[in-house]
């Protein structure tokens, strides 16, 4: 799966529930979604290398928690064939659809509006999530 375009989301050092939160602007080429700044890096990387790169920038691969976040990501990836996001099962075999999936940013894996039956790790080695809205 090497050579895929990566997508990363930098979570700001605040959240909507933080009483010290102040409005901010995302730097340079970054795009804002709620309290997060988002950027694409089109350098071909494996999923693990993409996550490591995101961490070097202070963030993680994107996590999805709502239909609005999903639509936002779809709009940004419409012309891109393969895009990594931060979902992983840690390389563990799956017995049920959502049994051990998690996000690299540590947030709960609570989004369920994937394509039918996904994510599923139905063949060996499907331990991470990509979105293919352009392909």
N, C-alpha and C. Protein backbone atom coordinates (compact mmCIF):
# COMPACT_ATOMS: atom_id res chain seq x y z
N UNK A 1 0.81 -1.20 0.00
CA UNK A 1 0.00 0.00 0.00
C UNK A 1 0.85 1.26 0.00
N UNK A 2 2.14 1.11 -0.20
CA UNK A 2 3.01 2.28 -0.26
C UNK A 2 2.64 3.12 -1.47
N UNK A 3 2.98 4.38 -1.43
CA UNK A 3 2.75 5.25 -2.56
C UNK A 3 1.38 5.90 -2.59
N UNK A 4 0.67 5.90 -1.50
CA UNK A 4 -0.63 6.54 -1.47
C UNK A 4 -0.49 7.98 -1.02
N UNK A 5 -1.41 8.79 -1.48
CA UNK A 5 -1.45 10.18 -1.04
C UNK A 5 -1.90 10.20 0.41
N UNK A 6 -1.31 11.06 1.21
CA UNK A 6 -1.72 11.10 2.61
C UNK A 6 -2.54 12.35 2.90
N UNK A 7 -3.32 12.24 3.90
CA UNK A 7 -4.13 13.34 4.39
C UNK A 7 -3.84 13.45 5.87
N UNK A 8 -3.60 14.64 6.34
CA UNK A 8 -3.35 14.75 7.76
C UNK A 8 -4.16 15.86 8.38
N UNK A 9 -4.45 15.65 9.62
CA UNK A 9 -5.19 16.64 10.38
C UNK A 9 -4.37 17.01 11.60
N UNK A 10 -4.13 18.28 11.77
CA UNK A 10 -3.43 18.76 12.95
C UNK A 10 -4.47 19.23 13.95
N UNK A 11 -4.54 18.57 15.05
CA UNK A 11 -5.45 19.01 16.10
C UNK A 11 -4.79 20.14 16.85
N UNK A 12 -5.47 21.24 16.93
CA UNK A 12 -4.92 22.38 17.66
C UNK A 12 -4.80 22.02 19.13
N UNK A 13 -4.06 22.81 19.86
CA UNK A 13 -3.80 22.53 21.28
C UNK A 13 -4.98 22.94 22.15
N UNK A 14 -6.14 23.02 21.55
CA UNK A 14 -7.33 23.37 22.30
C UNK A 14 -8.51 22.60 21.74
N UNK A 15 -9.60 22.62 22.43
CA UNK A 15 -10.82 21.99 21.93
C UNK A 15 -11.98 22.92 22.19
N UNK A 16 -13.13 22.59 21.61
CA UNK A 16 -14.30 23.45 21.81
C UNK A 16 -14.71 23.52 23.26
N UNK A 17 -14.39 22.48 24.05
CA UNK A 17 -14.75 22.48 25.46
C UNK A 17 -13.73 23.14 26.36
N UNK A 18 -12.63 23.59 25.81
CA UNK A 18 -11.56 24.19 26.60
C UNK A 18 -11.93 25.64 26.93
N UNK A 19 -11.99 26.01 28.22
CA UNK A 19 -12.37 27.38 28.58
C UNK A 19 -11.35 28.42 28.13
N UNK A 20 -10.14 28.00 27.79
CA UNK A 20 -9.10 28.93 27.36
C UNK A 20 -9.02 29.03 25.84
N UNK A 21 -9.96 28.36 25.14
CA UNK A 21 -9.95 28.36 23.68
C UNK A 21 -10.19 29.75 23.14
N UNK A 22 -9.41 30.13 22.14
CA UNK A 22 -9.59 31.40 21.45
C UNK A 22 -9.61 31.13 19.96
N UNK A 23 -10.41 31.89 19.21
CA UNK A 23 -10.42 31.71 17.76
C UNK A 23 -9.01 31.88 17.20
N UNK A 24 -8.69 31.13 16.16
CA UNK A 24 -7.36 31.22 15.56
C UNK A 24 -7.48 31.04 14.06
N UNK A 25 -6.41 31.29 13.39
CA UNK A 25 -6.33 31.04 11.96
C UNK A 25 -5.31 29.95 11.73
N UNK A 26 -5.60 29.12 10.76
CA UNK A 26 -4.66 28.07 10.40
C UNK A 26 -3.55 28.67 9.55
N UNK A 27 -2.32 28.19 9.72
CA UNK A 27 -1.20 28.77 8.99
C UNK A 27 -1.19 28.38 7.51
N UNK A 28 -0.64 29.26 6.68
CA UNK A 28 -0.35 28.98 5.27
C UNK A 28 -1.41 28.22 4.50
N UNK A 29 -1.02 27.04 4.00
CA UNK A 29 -1.87 26.20 3.16
C UNK A 29 -2.88 25.36 3.95
N UNK A 30 -2.86 25.44 5.26
CA UNK A 30 -3.77 24.65 6.08
C UNK A 30 -5.19 25.18 5.95
N UNK A 31 -6.17 24.28 6.05
CA UNK A 31 -7.58 24.66 6.03
C UNK A 31 -8.19 24.38 7.39
N UNK A 32 -9.12 25.22 7.77
CA UNK A 32 -9.74 25.06 9.09
C UNK A 32 -11.06 24.31 8.99
N UNK A 33 -11.27 23.40 9.94
CA UNK A 33 -12.56 22.74 10.13
C UNK A 33 -12.81 22.69 11.62
N UNK A 34 -13.73 23.49 12.11
CA UNK A 34 -13.97 23.57 13.55
C UNK A 34 -12.71 24.05 14.24
N UNK A 35 -12.24 23.28 15.22
CA UNK A 35 -11.04 23.66 15.96
C UNK A 35 -9.80 22.94 15.44
N UNK A 36 -9.88 22.42 14.22
CA UNK A 36 -8.75 21.68 13.64
C UNK A 36 -8.23 22.37 12.39
N UNK A 37 -6.94 22.20 12.16
CA UNK A 37 -6.32 22.65 10.92
C UNK A 37 -5.95 21.40 10.12
N UNK A 38 -6.23 21.45 8.82
CA UNK A 38 -6.09 20.29 7.95
C UNK A 38 -5.21 20.64 6.76
N UNK A 39 -4.35 19.69 6.37
CA UNK A 39 -3.51 19.90 5.19
C UNK A 39 -3.28 18.57 4.49
N UNK A 40 -3.09 18.63 3.18
CA UNK A 40 -2.69 17.46 2.39
C UNK A 40 -1.19 17.48 2.22
N UNK A 41 -0.61 16.33 2.20
CA UNK A 41 0.78 16.17 1.79
C UNK A 41 0.75 15.07 0.74
N UNK A 42 1.02 15.41 -0.50
CA UNK A 42 0.90 14.45 -1.59
C UNK A 42 2.14 13.60 -1.81
N UNK A 43 3.09 13.67 -0.89
CA UNK A 43 4.26 12.81 -0.97
C UNK A 43 3.84 11.36 -0.75
N UNK A 44 4.16 10.45 -1.69
CA UNK A 44 3.78 9.04 -1.50
C UNK A 44 4.44 8.46 -0.25
N UNK A 45 3.62 7.87 0.63
CA UNK A 45 4.11 7.26 1.87
C UNK A 45 3.22 6.09 2.24
N UNK A 46 3.77 5.14 2.98
CA UNK A 46 2.96 4.09 3.58
C UNK A 46 2.10 4.74 4.66
N UNK A 47 1.10 4.00 5.13
CA UNK A 47 0.24 4.53 6.20
C UNK A 47 1.08 4.87 7.43
N UNK A 48 1.97 3.97 7.85
CA UNK A 48 2.80 4.20 9.05
C UNK A 48 3.70 5.42 8.87
N UNK A 49 4.30 5.56 7.69
CA UNK A 49 5.16 6.71 7.43
C UNK A 49 4.35 8.00 7.39
N UNK A 50 3.12 7.92 6.87
CA UNK A 50 2.25 9.10 6.84
C UNK A 50 1.89 9.55 8.25
N UNK A 51 1.54 8.60 9.12
CA UNK A 51 1.22 8.94 10.51
C UNK A 51 2.45 9.53 11.21
N UNK A 52 3.63 8.96 10.98
CA UNK A 52 4.86 9.48 11.58
C UNK A 52 5.10 10.91 11.12
N UNK A 53 4.89 11.17 9.83
CA UNK A 53 5.08 12.52 9.30
C UNK A 53 4.09 13.49 9.95
N UNK A 54 2.85 13.06 10.09
CA UNK A 54 1.86 13.91 10.76
C UNK A 54 2.28 14.24 12.19
N UNK A 55 2.78 13.24 12.89
CA UNK A 55 3.25 13.46 14.26
C UNK A 55 4.40 14.44 14.29
N UNK A 56 5.27 14.41 13.27
CA UNK A 56 6.40 15.34 13.23
C UNK A 56 5.92 16.78 13.06
N UNK A 57 4.70 16.95 12.55
CA UNK A 57 4.09 18.27 12.39
C UNK A 57 3.19 18.64 13.57
N UNK A 58 3.12 17.75 14.56
CA UNK A 58 2.32 18.01 15.75
C UNK A 58 0.89 17.51 15.66
N UNK A 59 0.59 16.64 14.71
CA UNK A 59 -0.78 16.17 14.54
C UNK A 59 -0.85 14.68 14.29
N UNK A 60 -1.90 14.25 13.63
CA UNK A 60 -2.16 12.86 13.30
C UNK A 60 -2.89 12.80 11.97
N UNK A 61 -2.93 11.63 11.37
CA UNK A 61 -3.82 11.42 10.24
C UNK A 61 -5.24 11.74 10.70
N UNK A 62 -6.09 12.15 9.78
CA UNK A 62 -7.44 12.60 10.11
C UNK A 62 -8.29 11.51 10.75
N UNK A 63 -9.11 11.91 11.69
CA UNK A 63 -10.13 11.03 12.27
C UNK A 63 -11.50 11.58 11.88
N UNK A 64 -12.49 10.71 11.80
CA UNK A 64 -13.84 11.09 11.38
C UNK A 64 -14.81 10.75 12.50
N UNK A 65 -15.59 11.75 12.93
CA UNK A 65 -16.53 11.54 14.03
C UNK A 65 -17.95 11.97 13.71
N UNK A 66 -18.15 12.57 12.55
CA UNK A 66 -19.50 13.03 12.21
C UNK A 66 -19.69 13.03 10.70
N UNK A 67 -20.95 13.09 10.31
CA UNK A 67 -21.28 13.17 8.90
C UNK A 67 -20.69 14.45 8.29
N UNK A 68 -20.70 15.56 9.03
CA UNK A 68 -20.14 16.82 8.52
C UNK A 68 -18.64 16.70 8.28
N UNK A 69 -17.93 16.04 9.19
CA UNK A 69 -16.49 15.82 8.96
C UNK A 69 -16.27 14.96 7.73
N UNK A 70 -17.09 13.94 7.56
CA UNK A 70 -16.98 13.08 6.40
C UNK A 70 -17.20 13.86 5.10
N UNK A 71 -18.21 14.70 5.08
CA UNK A 71 -18.50 15.53 3.90
C UNK A 71 -17.35 16.49 3.63
N UNK A 72 -16.80 17.09 4.67
CA UNK A 72 -15.65 17.98 4.54
C UNK A 72 -14.48 17.25 3.89
N UNK A 73 -14.17 16.05 4.37
CA UNK A 73 -13.07 15.27 3.81
C UNK A 73 -13.37 14.85 2.38
N UNK A 74 -14.61 14.50 2.09
CA UNK A 74 -14.99 14.14 0.72
C UNK A 74 -14.74 15.30 -0.22
N UNK A 75 -15.13 16.49 0.20
CA UNK A 75 -14.94 17.67 -0.64
C UNK A 75 -13.46 17.94 -0.91
N UNK A 76 -12.62 17.70 0.08
CA UNK A 76 -11.19 17.94 -0.09
C UNK A 76 -10.49 16.85 -0.89
N UNK A 77 -11.07 15.65 -0.95
CA UNK A 77 -10.40 14.53 -1.62
C UNK A 77 -11.09 14.10 -2.90
N UNK A 78 -12.03 14.87 -3.39
CA UNK A 78 -12.84 14.48 -4.54
C UNK A 78 -11.99 14.14 -5.77
N UNK A 79 -10.88 14.82 -5.98
CA UNK A 79 -10.05 14.57 -7.16
C UNK A 79 -8.85 13.68 -6.88
N UNK A 80 -8.77 13.11 -5.70
CA UNK A 80 -7.63 12.28 -5.32
C UNK A 80 -8.07 10.83 -5.21
N UNK A 81 -7.34 9.91 -5.84
CA UNK A 81 -7.80 8.52 -5.85
C UNK A 81 -7.66 7.78 -4.52
N UNK A 82 -6.60 7.99 -3.77
CA UNK A 82 -6.36 7.24 -2.53
C UNK A 82 -5.83 8.18 -1.46
N UNK A 83 -6.46 8.18 -0.31
CA UNK A 83 -6.06 9.08 0.77
C UNK A 83 -6.11 8.35 2.10
N UNK A 84 -4.99 8.36 2.81
CA UNK A 84 -4.95 7.74 4.14
C UNK A 84 -5.68 8.61 5.15
N UNK A 85 -6.39 7.97 6.09
CA UNK A 85 -6.87 8.65 7.29
C UNK A 85 -6.40 7.82 8.48
N UNK A 86 -6.65 8.28 9.69
CA UNK A 86 -6.02 7.71 10.88
C UNK A 86 -6.64 6.49 11.51
N UNK A 87 -7.55 5.81 10.84
CA UNK A 87 -8.15 4.60 11.41
C UNK A 87 -7.23 3.40 11.30
N UNK A 88 -7.12 2.63 12.38
CA UNK A 88 -6.29 1.43 12.37
C UNK A 88 -6.88 0.37 13.30
N UNK A 89 -6.61 -0.87 12.96
CA UNK A 89 -6.99 -1.95 13.89
C UNK A 89 -5.75 -2.50 14.57
N UNK A 90 -4.63 -1.81 14.42
CA UNK A 90 -3.39 -2.21 15.08
C UNK A 90 -2.85 -3.54 14.58
N UNK A 91 -3.30 -3.98 13.41
CA UNK A 91 -2.83 -5.23 12.85
C UNK A 91 -3.50 -6.46 13.43
N UNK A 92 -4.55 -6.26 14.22
CA UNK A 92 -5.25 -7.37 14.86
C UNK A 92 -6.32 -7.93 13.93
N UNK A 93 -6.50 -9.25 13.91
CA UNK A 93 -7.56 -9.83 13.09
C UNK A 93 -8.93 -9.36 13.58
N UNK A 94 -9.82 -9.10 12.66
CA UNK A 94 -11.16 -8.61 12.98
C UNK A 94 -12.16 -9.76 12.98
N UNK A 95 -13.00 -9.81 13.96
CA UNK A 95 -14.08 -10.79 13.99
C UNK A 95 -15.41 -10.10 13.71
N UNK A 96 -15.52 -8.84 14.06
CA UNK A 96 -16.72 -8.07 13.76
C UNK A 96 -16.29 -6.75 13.15
N UNK A 97 -17.21 -6.07 12.54
CA UNK A 97 -16.90 -4.88 11.76
C UNK A 97 -16.13 -3.80 12.52
N UNK A 98 -16.53 -3.43 13.72
CA UNK A 98 -15.89 -2.32 14.43
C UNK A 98 -15.13 -2.77 15.67
N UNK A 99 -14.89 -4.04 15.82
CA UNK A 99 -14.37 -4.59 17.07
C UNK A 99 -13.16 -3.85 17.63
N UNK A 100 -12.11 -3.68 16.85
CA UNK A 100 -10.89 -3.12 17.43
C UNK A 100 -10.34 -1.92 16.68
N UNK A 101 -11.15 -1.26 15.88
CA UNK A 101 -10.66 -0.08 15.17
C UNK A 101 -10.50 1.08 16.15
N UNK A 102 -9.50 1.93 15.89
CA UNK A 102 -9.26 3.11 16.70
C UNK A 102 -8.65 4.19 15.81
N UNK A 103 -8.59 5.40 16.35
CA UNK A 103 -7.97 6.52 15.64
C UNK A 103 -6.60 6.78 16.25
N UNK A 104 -5.66 7.19 15.41
CA UNK A 104 -4.31 7.44 15.90
C UNK A 104 -4.24 8.62 16.86
N UNK A 105 -5.22 9.50 16.82
CA UNK A 105 -5.21 10.64 17.75
C UNK A 105 -5.78 10.27 19.12
N UNK A 106 -6.18 9.00 19.30
CA UNK A 106 -6.68 8.54 20.59
C UNK A 106 -8.16 8.78 20.81
N UNK A 107 -8.83 9.43 19.88
CA UNK A 107 -10.27 9.68 20.03
C UNK A 107 -11.06 8.39 19.77
N UNK A 108 -12.29 8.36 20.26
CA UNK A 108 -13.13 7.16 20.11
C UNK A 108 -13.51 6.89 18.67
N UNK A 109 -13.57 5.62 18.30
CA UNK A 109 -13.95 5.22 16.94
C UNK A 109 -15.47 5.07 16.91
N UNK A 110 -16.17 6.20 16.78
CA UNK A 110 -17.62 6.20 16.92
C UNK A 110 -18.38 6.47 15.63
N UNK A 111 -17.70 6.79 14.55
CA UNK A 111 -18.36 7.06 13.27
C UNK A 111 -18.74 5.74 12.62
N UNK A 112 -19.96 5.64 12.07
CA UNK A 112 -20.45 4.38 11.51
C UNK A 112 -20.99 4.49 10.08
N UNK A 113 -20.92 5.64 9.46
CA UNK A 113 -21.51 5.81 8.14
C UNK A 113 -20.52 5.56 7.01
N UNK A 114 -19.81 4.45 7.08
CA UNK A 114 -18.87 4.04 6.04
C UNK A 114 -19.65 3.35 4.92
N UNK A 115 -18.95 3.00 3.85
CA UNK A 115 -19.56 2.16 2.82
C UNK A 115 -20.01 0.86 3.49
N UNK A 116 -21.01 0.22 2.93
CA UNK A 116 -21.58 -0.98 3.55
C UNK A 116 -20.50 -2.01 3.87
N UNK A 117 -20.50 -2.48 5.13
CA UNK A 117 -19.56 -3.50 5.57
C UNK A 117 -18.16 -3.02 5.89
N UNK A 118 -17.90 -1.73 5.80
CA UNK A 118 -16.56 -1.20 6.03
C UNK A 118 -16.49 -0.49 7.38
N UNK A 119 -15.32 -0.35 7.95
CA UNK A 119 -14.09 -1.07 7.62
C UNK A 119 -14.19 -2.52 8.08
N UNK A 120 -13.44 -3.41 7.41
CA UNK A 120 -13.64 -4.81 7.76
C UNK A 120 -12.39 -5.68 7.80
N UNK A 121 -11.28 -5.25 7.22
CA UNK A 121 -10.07 -6.07 7.21
C UNK A 121 -10.38 -7.47 6.68
N UNK A 122 -11.15 -7.53 5.59
CA UNK A 122 -11.62 -8.81 5.07
C UNK A 122 -10.52 -9.67 4.47
N UNK A 123 -9.45 -9.03 4.03
CA UNK A 123 -8.30 -9.79 3.56
C UNK A 123 -7.10 -9.38 4.39
N UNK A 124 -6.18 -10.26 4.58
CA UNK A 124 -5.02 -9.99 5.45
C UNK A 124 -4.34 -8.69 5.04
N UNK A 125 -3.92 -7.92 6.01
CA UNK A 125 -3.17 -6.71 5.76
C UNK A 125 -3.98 -5.44 5.66
N UNK A 126 -5.29 -5.51 5.79
CA UNK A 126 -6.11 -4.30 5.76
C UNK A 126 -6.25 -3.76 7.17
N UNK A 127 -5.19 -3.19 7.68
CA UNK A 127 -5.18 -2.75 9.07
C UNK A 127 -5.25 -1.24 9.22
N UNK A 128 -5.50 -0.52 8.13
CA UNK A 128 -5.62 0.92 8.18
C UNK A 128 -6.70 1.35 7.19
N UNK A 129 -7.11 2.60 7.28
CA UNK A 129 -8.24 3.07 6.47
C UNK A 129 -7.77 4.11 5.45
N UNK A 130 -8.27 3.94 4.24
CA UNK A 130 -8.08 4.94 3.20
C UNK A 130 -9.45 5.31 2.65
N UNK A 131 -9.55 6.53 2.15
CA UNK A 131 -10.77 6.94 1.48
C UNK A 131 -10.42 7.16 0.02
N UNK A 132 -11.33 6.82 -0.87
CA UNK A 132 -11.07 6.84 -2.31
C UNK A 132 -12.15 7.62 -3.05
N UNK A 133 -12.50 8.77 -2.61
CA UNK A 133 -13.63 9.46 -3.21
C UNK A 133 -13.38 9.88 -4.65
N UNK A 134 -12.14 9.98 -5.07
CA UNK A 134 -11.86 10.36 -6.46
C UNK A 134 -11.62 9.17 -7.36
N UNK A 135 -11.57 7.94 -6.81
CA UNK A 135 -11.15 6.80 -7.62
C UNK A 135 -12.21 5.84 -7.97
